Amino acid sequence: KLKQVYHLFQFIEPLLQQLSKDGHAPTLADHGAGKSYLGFILYDLYFKALGRGHIYGIEWRADLVEKSRALAAQLGFERMSFLNLSVAESADVAELPERFDIVTALHACDTATDDAIRFALKKGARAIVLVPCCQAEVAAELRKHKQQALKHPIAELWRHPIHTREFGSHVTNVLRCLQLEAHGYEVTVTELVGWEHSMKNELIIARFQPDRPRQRAGERLTELLHTLGLETLSPRFFTD
């Protein structure tokens, strides 16, 4: 875990450097923070020396939130806050700023990654860093309509149960990338660390580019949902 978090820091640090120019105090939301390994390393290696900016850790398990608060107090990390909330709840609470510079979600399970994307879009995030985990929703929809879909040869891609799971996971991340591109983000997809450290290893980095064309990505997203029979998931991937 530590190797993953340190490696992720190397991807986030250049974003922070860019967003900290001209005296700006960067704000970062860490969704599904868990024990807040990522947040503490970001603060220790970057925010502490910077002398400005704030990290918000969002975690639904109250005991982990309390432990993170105690550790931050012990270390004197004053510009760290921890909220006992689900990712889905966090977009509408008064305790959080209206805007964020960076939104991260390291192994936020299943639809929590999608909730983090919704949060980022609502908060106008300038950069989004995601390592998705345990995507099950799309696979469940593929499984539900499997008999009908098998009339088309493309359904051979997910006919066997193990393929349904793996293809569903892959499609989920493809849909997420198209969703981000449809909202004006430039998206890069790469590996976080070697596969020997984690099987949930896909890293999605999105940077907001206000002049980036958006229409084609939205059209491809619609077409893909239709081709795979996933129209019922449109509300999740089309976010205002």
C-alpha atoms as a PDB file:
ATOM      1  CA  LYS A   1       0.000   0.000   0.000  1.00  0.00           C
ATOM      2  CA  LEU A   2       2.790   2.398   0.912  1.00  0.00           C
ATOM      3  CA  LYS A   3       4.492   1.842  -2.444  1.00  0.00           C
ATOM      4  CA  GLN A   4       1.216   2.587  -4.231  1.00  0.00           C
ATOM      5  CA  VAL A   5       0.648   5.786  -2.267  1.00  0.00           C
ATOM      6  CA  TYR A   6       4.205   7.060  -2.779  1.00  0.00           C
ATOM      7  CA  HIS A   7       3.962   6.327  -6.482  1.00  0.00           C
ATOM      8  CA  LEU A   8       0.607   8.119  -6.674  1.00  0.00           C
ATOM      9  CA  PHE A   9       2.199  11.138  -4.973  1.00  0.00           C
ATOM     10  CA  GLN A  10       4.636  11.361  -7.883  1.00  0.00           C
ATOM     11  CA  PHE A  11       1.690  11.800 -10.251  1.00  0.00           C
ATOM     12  CA  ILE A  12      -0.099  14.317  -8.018  1.00  0.00           C
ATOM     13  CA  GLU A  13       2.895  16.496  -7.113  1.00  0.00           C
ATOM     14  CA  PRO A  14       3.270  18.073 -10.602  1.00  0.00           C
ATOM     15  CA  LEU A  15      -0.436  18.943 -10.552  1.00  0.00           C
ATOM     16  CA  LEU A  16      -0.036  20.595  -7.146  1.00  0.00           C
ATOM     17  CA  GLN A  17       3.005  22.535  -8.316  1.00  0.00           C
ATOM     18  CA  GLN A  18       1.077  23.889 -11.277  1.00  0.00           C
ATOM     19  CA  LEU A  19      -1.971  24.753  -9.174  1.00  0.00           C
ATOM     20  CA  SER A  20       0.117  26.419  -6.433  1.00  0.00           C
ATOM     21  CA  LYS A  21       1.588  29.084  -8.688  1.00  0.00           C
ATOM     22  CA  ASP A  22       1.161  32.789  -7.926  1.00  0.00           C
ATOM     23  CA  GLY A  23       0.493  32.163  -4.245  1.00  0.00           C
ATOM     24  CA  HIS A  24      -2.637  30.082  -4.767  1.00  0.00           C
ATOM     25  CA  ALA A  25      -3.611  27.854  -1.828  1.00  0.00           C
ATOM     26  CA  PRO A  26      -4.610  24.513  -3.376  1.00  0.00           C
ATOM     27  CA  THR A  27      -7.540  22.529  -2.026  1.00  0.00           C
ATOM     28  CA  LEU A  28      -7.611  18.747  -2.342  1.00  0.00           C
ATOM     29  CA  ALA A  29     -10.402  16.281  -1.544  1.00  0.00           C
ATOM     30  CA  ASP A  30      -9.406  12.671  -0.862  1.00  0.00           C
ATOM     31  CA  HIS A  31     -12.465  10.440  -1.250  1.00  0.00           C
ATOM     32  CA  GLY A  32     -12.747   7.067   0.419  1.00  0.00           C
ATOM     33  CA  ALA A  33      -9.720   8.155   2.440  1.00  0.00           C
ATOM     34  CA  GLY A  34      -9.605   5.086   4.713  1.00  0.00           C
ATOM     35  CA  LYS A  35      -6.660   5.599   7.067  1.00  0.00           C
ATOM     36  CA  SER A  36      -5.683   8.664   4.984  1.00  0.00           C
ATOM     37  CA  TYR A  37      -2.264   7.341   3.978  1.00  0.00           C
ATOM     38  CA  LEU A  38      -2.412   9.408   0.796  1.00  0.00           C
ATOM     39  CA  GLY A  39      -3.544  12.579   2.561  1.00  0.00           C
ATOM     40  CA  PHE A  40      -0.824  12.416   5.209  1.00  0.00           C
ATOM     41  CA  ILE A  41       1.915  11.776   2.648  1.00  0.00           C
ATOM     42  CA  LEU A  42       0.673  14.629   0.459  1.00  0.00           C
ATOM     43  CA  TYR A  43       0.687  16.958   3.447  1.00  0.00           C
ATOM     44  CA  ASP A  44       4.079  15.835   4.736  1.00  0.00           C
ATOM     45  CA  LEU A  45       5.846  15.928   1.382  1.00  0.00           C
ATOM     46  CA  TYR A  46       4.152  18.951  -0.183  1.00  0.00           C
ATOM     47  CA  PHE A  47       1.574  20.963   1.772  1.00  0.00           C
ATOM     48  CA  LYS A  48       3.709  21.344   4.923  1.00  0.00           C
ATOM     49  CA  ALA A  49       6.575  23.072   3.129  1.00  0.00           C
ATOM     50  CA  LEU A  50       4.213  25.041   0.909  1.00  0.00           C
ATOM     51  CA  GLY A  51       2.683  26.685   3.960  1.00  0.00           C
ATOM     52  CA  ARG A  52      -0.773  27.038   2.476  1.00  0.00           C
ATOM     53  CA  GLY A  53      -3.588  24.931   1.040  1.00  0.00           C
ATOM     54  CA  HIS A  54      -5.884  22.381   2.664  1.00  0.00           C
ATOM     55  CA  ILE A  55      -6.561  18.646   2.423  1.00  0.00           C
ATOM     56  CA  TYR A  56     -10.021  17.233   3.146  1.00  0.00           C
ATOM     57  CA  GLY A  57     -10.271  13.501   3.826  1.00  0.00           C
ATOM     58  CA  ILE A  58     -13.743  12.028   3.278  1.00  0.00           C
ATOM     59  CA  GLU A  59     -14.445   8.613   4.797  1.00  0.00           C
ATOM     60  CA  TRP A  60     -17.669   6.872   5.862  1.00  0.00           C
ATOM     61  CA  ARG A  61     -16.118   4.787   8.681  1.00  0.00           C
ATOM     62  CA  ALA A  62     -16.280   6.922  11.815  1.00  0.00           C
ATOM     63  CA  ASP A  63     -13.462   5.115  13.657  1.00  0.00           C
ATOM     64  CA  LEU A  64     -11.001   5.802  10.845  1.00  0.00           C
ATOM     65  CA  VAL A  65     -12.024   9.450  10.736  1.00  0.00           C
ATOM     66  CA  GLU A  66     -11.387   9.838  14.460  1.00  0.00           C
ATOM     67  CA  LYS A  67      -7.985   8.161  14.193  1.00  0.00           C
ATOM     68  CA  SER A  68      -7.007  10.436  11.312  1.00  0.00           C
ATOM     69  CA  ARG A  69      -8.097  13.517  13.240  1.00  0.00           C
ATOM     70  CA  ALA A  70      -6.037  12.425  16.250  1.00  0.00           C
ATOM     71  CA  LEU A  71      -2.960  11.737  14.121  1.00  0.00           C
ATOM     72  CA  ALA A  72      -3.225  15.084  12.323  1.00  0.00           C
ATOM     73  CA  ALA A  73      -3.432  16.856  15.687  1.00  0.00           C
ATOM     74  CA  GLN A  74      -0.453  14.898  16.999  1.00  0.00           C
ATOM     75  CA  LEU A  75       1.631  15.786  13.932  1.00  0.00           C
ATOM     76  CA  GLY A  76       0.549  19.414  13.883  1.00  0.00           C
ATOM     77  CA  PHE A  77      -0.963  19.092  10.421  1.00  0.00           C
ATOM     78  CA  GLU A  78      -3.418  21.939  10.954  1.00  0.00           C
ATOM     79  CA  ARG A  79      -4.583  22.227   7.373  1.00  0.00           C
ATOM     80  CA  MET A  80      -6.079  18.745   7.256  1.00  0.00           C
ATOM     81  CA  SER A  81      -9.767  18.090   7.905  1.00  0.00           C
ATOM     82  CA  PHE A  82     -11.612  14.781   8.051  1.00  0.00           C
ATOM     83  CA  LEU A  83     -15.322  14.340   7.470  1.00  0.00           C
ATOM     84  CA  ASN A  84     -17.382  11.280   8.360  1.00  0.00           C
ATOM     85  CA  LEU A  85     -19.395  11.076   5.141  1.00  0.00           C
ATOM     86  CA  SER A  86     -19.975   8.817   2.189  1.00  0.00           C
ATOM     87  CA  VAL A  87     -18.639  10.066  -1.135  1.00  0.00           C
ATOM     88  CA  ALA A  88     -22.202  10.514  -2.383  1.00  0.00           C
ATOM     89  CA  GLU A  89     -23.155  12.710   0.584  1.00  0.00           C
ATOM     90  CA  SER A  90     -20.118  14.948   0.430  1.00  0.00           C
ATOM     91  CA  ALA A  91     -21.057  17.144  -2.531  1.00  0.00           C
ATOM     92  CA  ASP A  92     -23.833  18.898  -0.636  1.00  0.00           C
ATOM     93  CA  VAL A  93     -22.383  19.598   2.817  1.00  0.00           C
ATOM     94  CA  ALA A  94     -21.610  23.088   4.082  1.00  0.00           C
ATOM     95  CA  GLU A  95     -18.336  22.027   5.735  1.00  0.00           C
ATOM     96  CA  LEU A  96     -16.628  21.690   2.351  1.00  0.00           C
ATOM     97  CA  PRO A  97     -15.587  24.537   0.012  1.00  0.00           C
ATOM     98  CA  GLU A  98     -17.635  25.286  -3.078  1.00  0.00           C
ATOM     99  CA  ARG A  99     -14.592  24.722  -5.311  1.00  0.00           C
ATOM    100  CA  PHE A 100     -11.726  22.238  -5.269  1.00  0.00           C
ATOM    101  CA  ASP A 101      -8.494  22.163  -7.224  1.00  0.00           C
ATOM    102  CA  ILE A 102      -7.804  18.418  -7.055  1.00  0.00           C
ATOM    103  CA  VAL A 103     -10.078  15.464  -6.297  1.00  0.00           C
ATOM    104  CA  THR A 104      -8.561  12.050  -5.639  1.00  0.00           C
ATOM    105  CA  ALA A 105     -10.056   8.611  -5.021  1.00  0.00           C
ATOM    106  CA  LEU A 106      -7.644   5.756  -4.358  1.00  0.00           C
ATOM    107  CA  HIS A 107      -9.461   2.402  -4.523  1.00  0.00           C
ATOM    108  CA  ALA A 108     -12.896   3.897  -3.835  1.00  0.00           C
ATOM    109  CA  CYS A 109     -15.026   0.811  -4.393  1.00  0.00           C
ATOM    110  CA  ASP A 110     -17.653   0.278  -7.077  1.00  0.00           C
ATOM    111  CA  THR A 111     -19.845   3.365  -7.632  1.00  0.00           C
ATOM    112  CA  ALA A 112     -17.919   5.461  -5.065  1.00  0.00           C
ATOM    113  CA  THR A 113     -15.509   6.346  -7.880  1.00  0.00           C
ATOM    114  CA  ASP A 114     -18.456   7.611  -9.935  1.00  0.00           C
ATOM    115  CA  ASP A 115     -19.644   9.608  -6.925  1.00  0.00           C
ATOM    116  CA  ALA A 116     -16.149  11.114  -6.673  1.00  0.00           C
ATOM    117  CA  ILE A 117     -16.391  12.130 -10.340  1.00  0.00           C
ATOM    118  CA  ARG A 118     -19.780  13.739  -9.683  1.00  0.00           C
ATOM    119  CA  PHE A 119     -18.264  15.588  -6.731  1.00  0.00           C
ATOM    120  CA  ALA A 120     -15.336  16.777  -8.862  1.00  0.00           C
ATOM    121  CA  LEU A 121     -17.600  18.010 -11.654  1.00  0.00           C
ATOM    122  CA  LYS A 122     -19.870  19.849  -9.227  1.00  0.00           C
ATOM    123  CA  LYS A 123     -16.894  21.439  -7.455  1.00  0.00           C
ATOM    124  CA  GLY A 124     -15.198  22.482 -10.698  1.00  0.00           C
ATOM    125  CA  ALA A 125     -12.068  20.436 -10.021  1.00  0.00           C
ATOM    126  CA  ARG A 126      -9.115  21.421 -12.156  1.00  0.00           C
ATOM    127  CA  ALA A 127      -7.605  17.942 -11.857  1.00  0.00           C
ATOM    128  CA  ILE A 128      -8.981  14.506 -10.957  1.00  0.00           C
ATOM    129  CA  VAL A 129      -6.841  11.494 -10.004  1.00  0.00           C
ATOM    130  CA  LEU A 130      -8.608   8.123  -9.751  1.00  0.00           C
ATOM    131  CA  VAL A 131      -7.569   4.537  -9.065  1.00  0.00           C
ATOM    132  CA  PRO A 132     -10.891   2.656  -9.437  1.00  0.00           C
ATOM    133  CA  CYS A 133     -11.690  -0.525  -7.551  1.00  0.00           C
ATOM    134  CA  CYS A 134     -14.260  -3.352  -7.522  1.00  0.00           C
ATOM    135  CA  GLN A 135     -16.519  -2.102 -10.309  1.00  0.00           C
ATOM    136  CA  ALA A 136     -19.639  -4.278 -10.179  1.00  0.00           C
ATOM    137  CA  GLU A 137     -22.540  -2.163 -11.430  1.00  0.00           C
ATOM    138  CA  VAL A 138     -21.853  -2.425 -15.163  1.00  0.00           C
ATOM    139  CA  ALA A 139     -21.104  -6.160 -14.883  1.00  0.00           C
ATOM    140  CA  ALA A 140     -24.454  -6.647 -13.128  1.00  0.00           C
ATOM    141  CA  GLU A 141     -26.248  -4.891 -15.988  1.00  0.00           C
ATOM    142  CA  LEU A 142     -24.392  -6.954 -18.590  1.00  0.00           C
ATOM    143  CA  ARG A 143     -25.339 -10.108 -16.706  1.00  0.00           C
ATOM    144  CA  LYS A 144     -28.973  -9.051 -16.433  1.00  0.00           C
ATOM    145  CA  HIS A 145     -29.401  -8.722 -20.206  1.00  0.00           C
ATOM    146  CA  LYS A 146     -26.997 -11.476 -21.238  1.00  0.00           C
ATOM    147  CA  GLN A 147     -29.508 -13.824 -22.906  1.00  0.00           C
ATOM    148  CA  GLN A 148     -30.942 -11.070 -25.062  1.00  0.00           C
ATOM    149  CA  ALA A 149     -27.483  -9.668 -25.888  1.00  0.00           C
ATOM    150  CA  LEU A 150     -26.126 -13.046 -27.012  1.00  0.00           C
ATOM    151  CA  LYS A 151     -28.051 -12.657 -30.261  1.00  0.00           C
ATOM    152  CA  HIS A 152     -25.258 -10.277 -31.283  1.00  0.00           C
ATOM    153  CA  PRO A 153     -21.662 -11.551 -31.697  1.00  0.00           C
ATOM    154  CA  ILE A 154     -20.274  -8.672 -29.622  1.00  0.00           C
ATOM    155  CA  ALA A 155     -21.828 -10.281 -26.537  1.00  0.00           C
ATOM    156  CA  GLU A 156     -19.220 -13.046 -26.774  1.00  0.00           C
ATOM    157  CA  LEU A 157     -16.952 -10.507 -25.060  1.00  0.00           C
ATOM    158  CA  TRP A 158     -18.823 -11.115 -21.805  1.00  0.00           C
ATOM    159  CA  ARG A 159     -20.547 -14.491 -22.256  1.00  0.00           C
ATOM    160  CA  HIS A 160     -18.450 -16.316 -19.647  1.00  0.00           C
ATOM    161  CA  PRO A 161     -18.814 -15.132 -16.015  1.00  0.00           C
ATOM    162  CA  ILE A 162     -15.151 -14.242 -15.579  1.00  0.00           C
ATOM    163  CA  HIS A 163     -15.296 -12.240 -18.802  1.00  0.00           C
ATOM    164  CA  THR A 164     -18.460 -10.508 -17.620  1.00  0.00           C
ATOM    165  CA  ARG A 165     -16.631  -9.329 -14.512  1.00  0.00           C
ATOM    166  CA  GLU A 166     -13.444  -8.254 -16.265  1.00  0.00           C
ATOM    167  CA  PHE A 167     -15.141  -6.746 -19.312  1.00  0.00           C
ATOM    168  CA  GLY A 168     -17.587  -4.921 -17.037  1.00  0.00           C
ATOM    169  CA  SER A 169     -14.680  -3.432 -15.085  1.00  0.00           C
ATOM    170  CA  HIS A 170     -12.946  -2.330 -18.279  1.00  0.00           C
ATOM    171  CA  VAL A 171     -16.105  -0.830 -19.769  1.00  0.00           C
ATOM    172  CA  THR A 172     -16.784   1.064 -16.540  1.00  0.00           C
ATOM    173  CA  ASN A 173     -13.469   2.881 -16.787  1.00  0.00           C
ATOM    174  CA  VAL A 174     -13.918   3.544 -20.502  1.00  0.00           C
ATOM    175  CA  LEU A 175     -17.296   5.143 -19.765  1.00  0.00           C
ATOM    176  CA  ARG A 176     -15.741   7.228 -16.979  1.00  0.00           C
ATOM    177  CA  CYS A 177     -13.049   8.516 -19.331  1.00  0.00           C
ATOM    178  CA  LEU A 178     -15.613   9.481 -21.953  1.00  0.00           C
ATOM    179  CA  GLN A 179     -17.698  11.186 -19.271  1.00  0.00           C
ATOM    180  CA  LEU A 180     -14.714  13.284 -18.184  1.00  0.00           C
ATOM    181  CA  GLU A 181     -13.800  14.141 -21.773  1.00  0.00           C
ATOM    182  CA  ALA A 182     -17.403  15.209 -22.379  1.00  0.00           C
ATOM    183  CA  HIS A 183     -16.956  17.710 -19.538  1.00  0.00           C
ATOM    184  CA  GLY A 184     -13.806  19.258 -20.957  1.00  0.00           C
ATOM    185  CA  TYR A 185     -11.081  17.155 -19.347  1.00  0.00           C
ATOM    186  CA  GLU A 186      -7.966  15.825 -21.019  1.00  0.00           C
ATOM    187  CA  VAL A 187      -7.666  12.228 -19.817  1.00  0.00           C
ATOM    188  CA  THR A 188      -4.585  10.038 -19.408  1.00  0.00           C
ATOM    189  CA  VAL A 189      -4.868   6.356 -18.455  1.00  0.00           C
ATOM    190  CA  THR A 190      -1.844   4.412 -17.250  1.00  0.00           C
ATOM    191  CA  GLU A 191      -0.656   1.898 -14.640  1.00  0.00           C
ATOM    192  CA  LEU A 192      -0.154   3.013 -11.048  1.00  0.00           C
ATOM    193  CA  VAL A 193       2.421   0.399  -9.981  1.00  0.00           C
ATOM    194  CA  GLY A 194       3.494  -3.071 -11.057  1.00  0.00           C
ATOM    195  CA  TRP A 195       0.776  -5.718 -11.111  1.00  0.00           C
ATOM    196  CA  GLU A 196       2.585  -7.642  -8.363  1.00  0.00           C
ATOM    197  CA  HIS A 197       1.539  -4.906  -5.913  1.00  0.00           C
ATOM    198  CA  SER A 198      -2.135  -4.595  -6.842  1.00  0.00           C
ATOM    199  CA  MET A 199      -4.542  -6.019  -9.404  1.00  0.00           C
ATOM    200  CA  LYS A 200      -6.551  -2.784  -9.153  1.00  0.00           C
ATOM    201  CA  ASN A 201      -3.886  -0.843 -10.925  1.00  0.00           C
ATOM    202  CA  GLU A 202      -5.509   1.467 -13.472  1.00  0.00           C
ATOM    203  CA  LEU A 203      -4.742   5.146 -12.941  1.00  0.00           C
ATOM    204  CA  ILE A 204      -6.954   7.804 -14.530  1.00  0.00           C
ATOM    205  CA  ILE A 205      -5.689  11.390 -14.526  1.00  0.00           C
ATOM    206  CA  ALA A 206      -7.948  14.133 -15.861  1.00  0.00           C
ATOM    207  CA  ARG A 207      -6.946  17.784 -16.334  1.00  0.00           C
ATOM    208  CA  PHE A 208      -9.570  20.417 -17.115  1.00  0.00           C
ATOM    209  CA  GLN A 209      -9.045  22.159 -20.447  1.00  0.00           C
ATOM    210  CA  PRO A 210     -11.773  24.786 -20.957  1.00  0.00           C
ATOM    211  CA  ASP A 211     -11.288  24.957 -24.734  1.00  0.00           C
ATOM    212  CA  ARG A 212     -11.239  21.198 -25.279  1.00  0.00           C
ATOM    213  CA  PRO A 213     -13.951  19.877 -27.682  1.00  0.00           C
ATOM    214  CA  ARG A 214     -16.627  17.949 -25.782  1.00  0.00           C
ATOM    215  CA  GLN A 215     -19.412  16.952 -28.167  1.00  0.00           C
ATOM    216  CA  ARG A 216     -17.744  13.927 -29.762  1.00  0.00           C
ATOM    217  CA  ALA A 217     -16.956  12.293 -26.415  1.00  0.00           C
ATOM    218  CA  GLY A 218     -20.568  12.703 -25.319  1.00  0.00           C
ATOM    219  CA  GLU A 219     -21.789  11.174 -28.569  1.00  0.00           C
ATOM    220  CA  ARG A 220     -19.431   8.201 -28.232  1.00  0.00           C
ATOM    221  CA  LEU A 221     -20.565   7.691 -24.654  1.00  0.00           C
ATOM    222  CA  THR A 222     -24.191   7.531 -25.785  1.00  0.00           C
ATOM    223  CA  GLU A 223     -23.326   5.164 -28.635  1.00  0.00           C
ATOM    224  CA  LEU A 224     -21.371   2.831 -26.376  1.00  0.00           C
ATOM    225  CA  LEU A 225     -24.142   2.627 -23.790  1.00  0.00           C
ATOM    226  CA  HIS A 226     -26.602   1.791 -26.565  1.00  0.00           C
ATOM    227  CA  THR A 227     -24.340  -0.800 -28.222  1.00  0.00           C
ATOM    228  CA  LEU A 228     -23.827  -2.652 -24.927  1.00  0.00           C
ATOM    229  CA  GLY A 229     -27.444  -2.366 -23.790  1.00  0.00           C
ATOM    230  CA  LEU A 230     -26.517  -0.174 -20.821  1.00  0.00           C
ATOM    231  CA  GLU A 231     -28.927   2.698 -21.396  1.00  0.00           C
ATOM    232  CA  THR A 232     -30.275   2.332 -17.851  1.00  0.00           C
ATOM    233  CA  LEU A 233     -26.901   3.606 -16.599  1.00  0.00           C
ATOM    234  CA  SER A 234     -27.095   6.861 -18.570  1.00  0.00           C
ATOM    235  CA  PRO A 235     -27.966   8.966 -15.471  1.00  0.00           C
ATOM    236  CA  ARG A 236     -24.741   7.835 -13.797  1.00  0.00           C
ATOM    237  CA  PHE A 237     -22.456   8.791 -16.671  1.00  0.00           C
ATOM    238  CA  PHE A 238     -24.256  11.894 -17.888  1.00  0.00           C
ATOM    239  CA  THR A 239     -23.734  14.444 -15.126  1.00  0.00           C
ATOM    240  CA  ASP A 240     -24.718  18.090 -15.500  1.00  0.00           C
END
